[in-house]
Each structure stands twice: as structure tokens, then as C-alpha cells.
Amino acid sequence: TGRVFYRPLETDGDVTSVHAVAPLLEQLLVVQDSDSVVVSGLSFQHATWHQPSSSKGYIDVQAGFGLTRNMSTYGAGGAWERMPAAVEVTGSQNVTVQQCIFTMLGGAGLSMGDGSSDSTVVGSRFEWISGSGIMLGGVHTENATADALRLSALNNRIANTPCEYLGAVGIFAGYLSSGLIAHNELVNLSCKTRMLLSICTHASR
């Protein structure tokens, strides 16, 4: 009907007006097949994720990954897919995301993977995000074993994340050949996930 209804909580008191934001976009920035890019001092807010409300839904596995409805390839991990991030870095080299704010996002905050290398997120804040805060690399179904090289997360603050999809994590690092995760502050993360940081490795690495 084009209308949004809001039922105030008892703690809201006497509400006469409400300021609300209804996001439309799932991704706010995509850096693809690029070299030497610096994203600095930006605030990324109010992205959404439509899939969980669709007929496909979201079947949580772990760390911000879900199952597709095609279970025939589950044994090889082929049925896994990653939730989208508001900022995606794919197939790029020498990308730096620094001093940025990620907040009120419907999927993940930042994803660096799918052929990216020598890239870093540093000095940024990730707060009140529905899914994972930072996702580096991927799972073996995305060829991340060979492609995710030297991705790092340094001096970031991740708080109150995940706040909706509680199987997600603050920082995910999957099948990286190398990288550095250091001096990050992780507070008030989901108690249900039991993981602040998820790292997946390959036996040959």
C-alpha cells in the first residue's frame, strides 16, 4: 500500500513524530578490477539486504555464509553463499579503506576478496550492522584459496555487530595466503555466535 506503520515501544514515551529511513540499495560502493584506490573518511549508512525477506530466505551456516536451496553440492561446500556487503572490493589490488564509518547496514559491512590482493582496512568503525563487520577472502567455493592474497584489518573498532543475523562475526578471514589482523577492538558482539573472529585456512597453506 506504500505505507509503513510504526508501533512505539513503551520506553518511547509519548511519540508524536518519528524520523525513519527505509533503505533501497544493498551495496553503496563497489571497487572492481582496480589498482591503487584509497577510500578515506566516508560514512556508509542505511544499506539493506532483500534476500531474507524473499521466497529464497536466508539459511544460516556460519560467519555470514548461508545455504542455497540447491543442496546437491553441499558436501563440496558448493551450496554456500556469502551475504552481500555495503562496500565490496573484488578483483582489485592495493586498495586502502581508512577512517571510514560503517553503520546501520542490512548485510555485512565491508568485503575484500574474489581476486583482491595487497589491500587493507584500517582505522575504521563498524557499528550496528546486521551481519558481519569485515569479511576478508572467502570460502573454497569462490576460488578464494588461490586468489585472496595479503588482505589485512588493522586498528578498527567493531561494536554491536552482528545485531540481526547472529551467526555472523566481527571479522571473517577465509583462505588467505597471508595477511595481518591486529589491534582491532571488538566489543558487544553477538553472544550466540561465540566467535569474535573466524579464520579459515587450507591445509596446503
C-alpha atoms as a PDB file:
ATOM      1  CA  THR A   1       0.000   0.000   0.000  1.00  0.00           C
ATOM      2  CA  GLY A   2       3.031   2.286   0.142  1.00  0.00           C
ATOM      3  CA  ARG A   3       2.621   2.830   3.875  1.00  0.00           C
ATOM      4  CA  VAL A   4       4.905   1.996   6.785  1.00  0.00           C
ATOM      5  CA  PHE A   5       3.367   1.502  10.225  1.00  0.00           C
ATOM      6  CA  TYR A   6       5.299   2.012  13.448  1.00  0.00           C
ATOM      7  CA  ARG A   7       4.171   0.786  16.851  1.00  0.00           C
ATOM      8  CA  PRO A   8       6.002   2.702  19.607  1.00  0.00           C
ATOM      9  CA  LEU A   9       7.620   0.784  22.424  1.00  0.00           C
ATOM     10  CA  GLU A  10       6.610   1.516  25.987  1.00  0.00           C
ATOM     11  CA  THR A  11      10.040   3.054  26.510  1.00  0.00           C
ATOM     12  CA  ASP A  12       9.472   5.511  23.639  1.00  0.00           C
ATOM     13  CA  GLY A  13       7.050   7.591  25.713  1.00  0.00           C
ATOM     14  CA  ASP A  14       4.594   9.934  24.009  1.00  0.00           C
ATOM     15  CA  VAL A  15       5.662   9.793  20.358  1.00  0.00           C
ATOM     16  CA  THR A  16       4.140  12.455  18.135  1.00  0.00           C
ATOM     17  CA  SER A  17       6.551  12.148  15.219  1.00  0.00           C
ATOM     18  CA  VAL A  18       9.108   9.601  14.058  1.00  0.00           C
ATOM     19  CA  HIS A  19      12.123  10.035  11.779  1.00  0.00           C
ATOM     20  CA  ALA A  20      12.602   6.831   9.775  1.00  0.00           C
ATOM     21  CA  VAL A  21      14.879   5.709   6.937  1.00  0.00           C
ATOM     22  CA  ALA A  22      13.801   2.955   4.522  1.00  0.00           C
ATOM     23  CA  PRO A  23      16.916   1.891   2.555  1.00  0.00           C
ATOM     24  CA  LEU A  24      16.683   0.600  -1.026  1.00  0.00           C
ATOM     25  CA  LEU A  25      20.273  -0.288  -2.016  1.00  0.00           C
ATOM     26  CA  GLU A  26      22.158  -3.389  -0.919  1.00  0.00           C
ATOM     27  CA  GLN A  27      25.547  -2.037  -1.999  1.00  0.00           C
ATOM     28  CA  LEU A  28      26.795   1.513  -1.573  1.00  0.00           C
ATOM     29  CA  LEU A  29      30.249   1.196  -3.165  1.00  0.00           C
ATOM     30  CA  VAL A  30      31.850  -1.451  -5.395  1.00  0.00           C
ATOM     31  CA  VAL A  31      35.573  -1.363  -6.221  1.00  0.00           C
ATOM     32  CA  GLN A  32      36.112  -3.864  -9.029  1.00  0.00           C
ATOM     33  CA  ASP A  33      39.182  -4.707 -11.137  1.00  0.00           C
ATOM     34  CA  SER A  34      41.005  -1.609  -9.891  1.00  0.00           C
ATOM     35  CA  ASP A  35      44.507  -0.755  -8.700  1.00  0.00           C
ATOM     36  CA  SER A  36      45.752   1.768  -6.124  1.00  0.00           C
ATOM     37  CA  VAL A  37      42.451   3.030  -4.724  1.00  0.00           C
ATOM     38  CA  VAL A  38      42.084   4.895  -1.399  1.00  0.00           C
ATOM     39  CA  VAL A  39      38.654   5.215   0.218  1.00  0.00           C
ATOM     40  CA  SER A  40      39.051   7.646   3.102  1.00  0.00           C
ATOM     41  CA  GLY A  41      36.823   9.443   5.595  1.00  0.00           C
ATOM     42  CA  LEU A  42      33.456   8.312   4.214  1.00  0.00           C
ATOM     43  CA  SER A  43      30.372   7.224   6.145  1.00  0.00           C
ATOM     44  CA  PHE A  44      28.394   4.260   4.771  1.00  0.00           C
ATOM     45  CA  GLN A  45      24.888   4.011   6.235  1.00  0.00           C
ATOM     46  CA  HIS A  46      21.425   2.612   5.551  1.00  0.00           C
ATOM     47  CA  ALA A  47      22.007  -0.234   3.107  1.00  0.00           C
ATOM     48  CA  THR A  48      19.572  -3.143   3.115  1.00  0.00           C
ATOM     49  CA  TRP A  49      19.511  -6.838   2.201  1.00  0.00           C
ATOM     50  CA  HIS A  50      16.399  -8.100   0.415  1.00  0.00           C
ATOM     51  CA  GLN A  51      17.064 -11.857   0.273  1.00  0.00           C
ATOM     52  CA  PRO A  52      15.954 -12.827   3.811  1.00  0.00           C
ATOM     53  CA  SER A  53      12.506 -11.307   3.127  1.00  0.00           C
ATOM     54  CA  SER A  54      12.177 -13.009  -0.260  1.00  0.00           C
ATOM     55  CA  SER A  55      10.976 -16.516  -1.102  1.00  0.00           C
ATOM     56  CA  LYS A  56      14.637 -17.638  -1.110  1.00  0.00           C
ATOM     57  CA  GLY A  57      15.178 -16.661   2.521  1.00  0.00           C
ATOM     58  CA  TYR A  58      18.409 -16.998   4.476  1.00  0.00           C
ATOM     59  CA  ILE A  59      19.579 -20.350   5.856  1.00  0.00           C
ATOM     60  CA  ASP A  60      22.442 -19.504   8.204  1.00  0.00           C
ATOM     61  CA  VAL A  61      25.549 -21.711   8.233  1.00  0.00           C
ATOM     62  CA  GLN A  62      28.255 -19.692   9.965  1.00  0.00           C
ATOM     63  CA  ALA A  63      30.261 -16.472   9.843  1.00  0.00           C
ATOM     64  CA  GLY A  64      27.893 -14.660   7.472  1.00  0.00           C
ATOM     65  CA  PHE A  65      27.505 -17.508   4.985  1.00  0.00           C
ATOM     66  CA  GLY A  66      24.215 -19.193   4.179  1.00  0.00           C
ATOM     67  CA  LEU A  67      22.951 -22.160   2.189  1.00  0.00           C
ATOM     68  CA  THR A  68      21.351 -22.004  -1.205  1.00  0.00           C
ATOM     69  CA  ARG A  69      18.327 -24.204  -1.800  1.00  0.00           C
ATOM     70  CA  ASN A  70      20.428 -26.388  -4.112  1.00  0.00           C
ATOM     71  CA  MET A  71      21.736 -28.878  -1.575  1.00  0.00           C
ATOM     72  CA  SER A  72      23.160 -31.333  -4.123  1.00  0.00           C
ATOM     73  CA  THR A  73      26.635 -29.773  -3.874  1.00  0.00           C
ATOM     74  CA  TYR A  74      26.635 -29.222  -0.099  1.00  0.00           C
ATOM     75  CA  GLY A  75      29.291 -31.871   0.537  1.00  0.00           C
ATOM     76  CA  ALA A  76      31.813 -29.881  -1.502  1.00  0.00           C
ATOM     77  CA  GLY A  77      30.697 -26.602   0.025  1.00  0.00           C
ATOM     78  CA  GLY A  78      29.097 -25.631  -3.256  1.00  0.00           C
ATOM     79  CA  ALA A  79      25.813 -24.649  -1.635  1.00  0.00           C
ATOM     80  CA  TRP A  80      27.392 -21.880   0.442  1.00  0.00           C
ATOM     81  CA  GLU A  81      26.980 -18.223  -0.461  1.00  0.00           C
ATOM     82  CA  ARG A  82      28.127 -15.055   1.268  1.00  0.00           C
ATOM     83  CA  MET A  83      25.835 -12.276   2.403  1.00  0.00           C
ATOM     84  CA  PRO A  84      26.415  -9.054   0.451  1.00  0.00           C
ATOM     85  CA  ALA A  85      28.399  -6.183   1.961  1.00  0.00           C
ATOM     86  CA  ALA A  86      27.650  -2.483   1.703  1.00  0.00           C
ATOM     87  CA  VAL A  87      31.182  -1.975   0.346  1.00  0.00           C
ATOM     88  CA  GLU A  88      32.623  -4.704  -1.902  1.00  0.00           C
ATOM     89  CA  VAL A  89      36.225  -4.928  -3.157  1.00  0.00           C
ATOM     90  CA  THR A  90      36.691  -7.568  -5.866  1.00  0.00           C
ATOM     91  CA  GLY A  91      39.486  -8.330  -8.308  1.00  0.00           C
ATOM     92  CA  SER A  92      41.480  -5.311  -7.129  1.00  0.00           C
ATOM     93  CA  GLN A  93      44.970  -4.605  -5.822  1.00  0.00           C
ATOM     94  CA  ASN A  94      46.396  -2.018  -3.435  1.00  0.00           C
ATOM     95  CA  VAL A  95      43.049  -0.835  -2.076  1.00  0.00           C
ATOM     96  CA  THR A  96      43.010   1.006   1.268  1.00  0.00           C
ATOM     97  CA  VAL A  97      39.817   1.709   3.205  1.00  0.00           C
ATOM     98  CA  GLN A  98      40.710   4.060   6.035  1.00  0.00           C
ATOM     99  CA  GLN A  99      38.957   6.137   8.702  1.00  0.00           C
ATOM    100  CA  CYS A 100      35.503   5.256   7.400  1.00  0.00           C
ATOM    101  CA  ILE A 101      32.273   4.615   9.309  1.00  0.00           C
ATOM    102  CA  PHE A 102      30.030   1.627   8.583  1.00  0.00           C
ATOM    103  CA  THR A 103      26.725   1.641  10.462  1.00  0.00           C
ATOM    104  CA  MET A 104      23.040   0.679  10.171  1.00  0.00           C
ATOM    105  CA  LEU A 105      23.636  -1.793   7.351  1.00  0.00           C
ATOM    106  CA  GLY A 106      21.389  -4.728   6.446  1.00  0.00           C
ATOM    107  CA  GLY A 107      24.032  -7.237   5.317  1.00  0.00           C
ATOM    108  CA  ALA A 108      27.786  -7.146   6.017  1.00  0.00           C
ATOM    109  CA  GLY A 109      29.880  -4.001   6.313  1.00  0.00           C
ATOM    110  CA  LEU A 110      32.991  -4.454   4.130  1.00  0.00           C
ATOM    111  CA  SER A 111      34.068  -7.380   1.954  1.00  0.00           C
ATOM    112  CA  MET A 112      37.521  -7.753   0.362  1.00  0.00           C
ATOM    113  CA  GLY A 113      38.028 -10.880  -1.730  1.00  0.00           C
ATOM    114  CA  ASP A 114      37.360 -12.593  -5.062  1.00  0.00           C
ATOM    115  CA  GLY A 115      40.763 -11.959  -6.595  1.00  0.00           C
ATOM    116  CA  SER A 116      41.828  -8.997  -4.461  1.00  0.00           C
ATOM    117  CA  SER A 117      45.310  -8.616  -3.019  1.00  0.00           C
ATOM    118  CA  ASP A 118      47.549  -6.254  -1.050  1.00  0.00           C
ATOM    119  CA  SER A 119      44.550  -4.426   0.421  1.00  0.00           C
ATOM    120  CA  THR A 120      43.811  -3.144   3.920  1.00  0.00           C
ATOM    121  CA  VAL A 121      41.001  -1.746   6.053  1.00  0.00           C
ATOM    122  CA  VAL A 122      42.466   0.469   8.765  1.00  0.00           C
ATOM    123  CA  GLY A 123      41.228   2.852  11.443  1.00  0.00           C
ATOM    124  CA  SER A 124      37.541   2.412  10.626  1.00  0.00           C
ATOM    125  CA  ARG A 125      34.399   1.924  12.735  1.00  0.00           C
ATOM    126  CA  PHE A 126      31.828  -0.836  12.227  1.00  0.00           C
ATOM    127  CA  GLU A 127      28.749  -0.441  14.446  1.00  0.00           C
ATOM    128  CA  TRP A 128      25.148  -1.695  14.415  1.00  0.00           C
ATOM    129  CA  ILE A 129      25.486  -3.922  11.368  1.00  0.00           C
ATOM    130  CA  SER A 130      23.015  -6.779  10.777  1.00  0.00           C
ATOM    131  CA  GLY A 131      25.690  -9.247   9.591  1.00  0.00           C
ATOM    132  CA  SER A 132      29.483  -9.491   9.756  1.00  0.00           C
ATOM    133  CA  GLY A 133      31.586  -6.370  10.099  1.00  0.00           C
ATOM    134  CA  ILE A 134      34.665  -7.188   7.973  1.00  0.00           C
ATOM    135  CA  MET A 135      34.948 -10.128   5.545  1.00  0.00           C
ATOM    136  CA  LEU A 136      38.381 -10.900   4.081  1.00  0.00           C
ATOM    137  CA  GLY A 137      38.791 -13.621   1.439  1.00  0.00           C
ATOM    138  CA  GLY A 138      36.028 -16.186   1.147  1.00  0.00           C
ATOM    139  CA  VAL A 139      35.362 -19.911   1.099  1.00  0.00           C
ATOM    140  CA  HIS A 140      36.846 -22.515  -1.213  1.00  0.00           C
ATOM    141  CA  THR A 141      33.814 -22.475  -3.492  1.00  0.00           C
ATOM    142  CA  GLU A 142      34.746 -18.929  -4.561  1.00  0.00           C
ATOM    143  CA  ASN A 143      38.307 -19.876  -5.610  1.00  0.00           C
ATOM    144  CA  ALA A 144      39.486 -17.798  -2.681  1.00  0.00           C
ATOM    145  CA  THR A 145      42.245 -20.326  -1.908  1.00  0.00           C
ATOM    146  CA  ALA A 146      44.313 -19.076  -4.830  1.00  0.00           C
ATOM    147  CA  ASP A 147      43.051 -15.521  -5.114  1.00  0.00           C
ATOM    148  CA  ALA A 148      42.967 -13.935  -1.642  1.00  0.00           C
ATOM    149  CA  LEU A 149      46.470 -12.562  -1.095  1.00  0.00           C
ATOM    150  CA  ARG A 150      47.696 -10.266   1.668  1.00  0.00           C
ATOM    151  CA  LEU A 151      44.428  -8.803   2.961  1.00  0.00           C
ATOM    152  CA  SER A 152      44.624  -7.051   6.343  1.00  0.00           C
ATOM    153  CA  ALA A 153      42.464  -5.427   9.040  1.00  0.00           C
ATOM    154  CA  LEU A 154      44.251  -3.037  11.413  1.00  0.00           C
ATOM    155  CA  ASN A 155      43.173  -0.666  14.209  1.00  0.00           C
ATOM    156  CA  ASN A 156      39.432  -0.950  13.576  1.00  0.00           C
ATOM    157  CA  ARG A 157      36.546  -0.833  16.055  1.00  0.00           C
ATOM    158  CA  ILE A 158      33.743  -3.385  15.639  1.00  0.00           C
ATOM    159  CA  ALA A 159      30.823  -2.949  18.049  1.00  0.00           C
ATOM    160  CA  ASN A 160      27.236  -4.244  18.331  1.00  0.00           C
ATOM    161  CA  THR A 161      27.809  -6.381  15.254  1.00  0.00           C
ATOM    162  CA  PRO A 162      26.142  -8.639  14.200  1.00  0.00           C
ATOM    163  CA  CYS A 163      22.887  -7.335  15.593  1.00  0.00           C
ATOM    164  CA  GLU A 164      20.415  -9.296  13.443  1.00  0.00           C
ATOM    165  CA  TYR A 165      21.973 -12.380  11.800  1.00  0.00           C
ATOM    166  CA  LEU A 166      23.621 -13.669  14.933  1.00  0.00           C
ATOM    167  CA  GLY A 167      25.643 -16.432  13.250  1.00  0.00           C
ATOM    168  CA  ALA A 168      27.830 -13.778  11.634  1.00  0.00           C
ATOM    169  CA  VAL A 169      31.089 -12.479  13.166  1.00  0.00           C
ATOM    170  CA  GLY A 170      33.020  -9.289  13.766  1.00  0.00           C
ATOM    171  CA  ILE A 171      35.882 -10.221  11.416  1.00  0.00           C
ATOM    172  CA  PHE A 172      35.952 -13.127   8.964  1.00  0.00           C
ATOM    173  CA  ALA A 173      39.178 -14.221   7.223  1.00  0.00           C
ATOM    174  CA  GLY A 174      38.843 -17.103   4.781  1.00  0.00           C
ATOM    175  CA  TYR A 175      41.563 -18.923   2.865  1.00  0.00           C
ATOM    176  CA  LEU A 176      44.051 -16.053   2.798  1.00  0.00           C
ATOM    177  CA  SER A 177      47.544 -16.858   1.600  1.00  0.00           C
ATOM    178  CA  SER A 178      48.778 -14.217   4.045  1.00  0.00           C
ATOM    179  CA  GLY A 179      47.607 -11.097   5.839  1.00  0.00           C
ATOM    180  CA  LEU A 180      47.576  -9.316   9.180  1.00  0.00           C
ATOM    181  CA  ILE A 181      44.705  -8.843  11.631  1.00  0.00           C
ATOM    182  CA  ALA A 182      45.952  -6.721  14.517  1.00  0.00           C
ATOM    183  CA  HIS A 183      44.953  -4.085  17.076  1.00  0.00           C
ATOM    184  CA  ASN A 184      41.233  -4.270  16.388  1.00  0.00           C
ATOM    185  CA  GLU A 185      38.726  -3.558  19.168  1.00  0.00           C
ATOM    186  CA  LEU A 186      35.755  -5.954  19.205  1.00  0.00           C
ATOM    187  CA  VAL A 187      33.003  -5.217  21.744  1.00  0.00           C
ATOM    188  CA  ASN A 188      29.365  -6.203  22.313  1.00  0.00           C
ATOM    189  CA  LEU A 189      29.282  -8.794  19.583  1.00  0.00           C
ATOM    190  CA  SER A 190      26.623 -11.489  19.321  1.00  0.00           C
ATOM    191  CA  CYS A 191      26.729 -13.856  22.273  1.00  0.00           C
ATOM    192  CA  LYS A 192      25.102 -16.562  20.117  1.00  0.00           C
ATOM    193  CA  THR A 193      27.849 -16.718  17.530  1.00  0.00           C
ATOM    194  CA  ARG A 194      30.502 -17.474  20.200  1.00  0.00           C
ATOM    195  CA  MET A 195      33.107 -16.190  17.746  1.00  0.00           C
ATOM    196  CA  LEU A 196      34.519 -12.693  17.532  1.00  0.00           C
ATOM    197  CA  LEU A 197      36.953 -13.689  14.812  1.00  0.00           C
ATOM    198  CA  SER A 198      36.606 -16.534  12.304  1.00  0.00           C
ATOM    199  CA  ILE A 199      39.657 -17.701  10.360  1.00  0.00           C
ATOM    200  CA  CYS A 200      39.523 -20.463   7.732  1.00  0.00           C
ATOM    201  CA  THR A 201      42.731 -21.928   6.349  1.00  0.00           C
ATOM    202  CA  HIS A 202      43.697 -24.506   3.762  1.00  0.00           C
ATOM    203  CA  ALA A 203      45.904 -27.453   4.613  1.00  0.00           C
ATOM    204  CA  SER A 204      48.386 -26.611   1.876  1.00  0.00           C
ATOM    205  CA  ARG A 205      48.840 -23.020   3.043  1.00  0.00           C
END
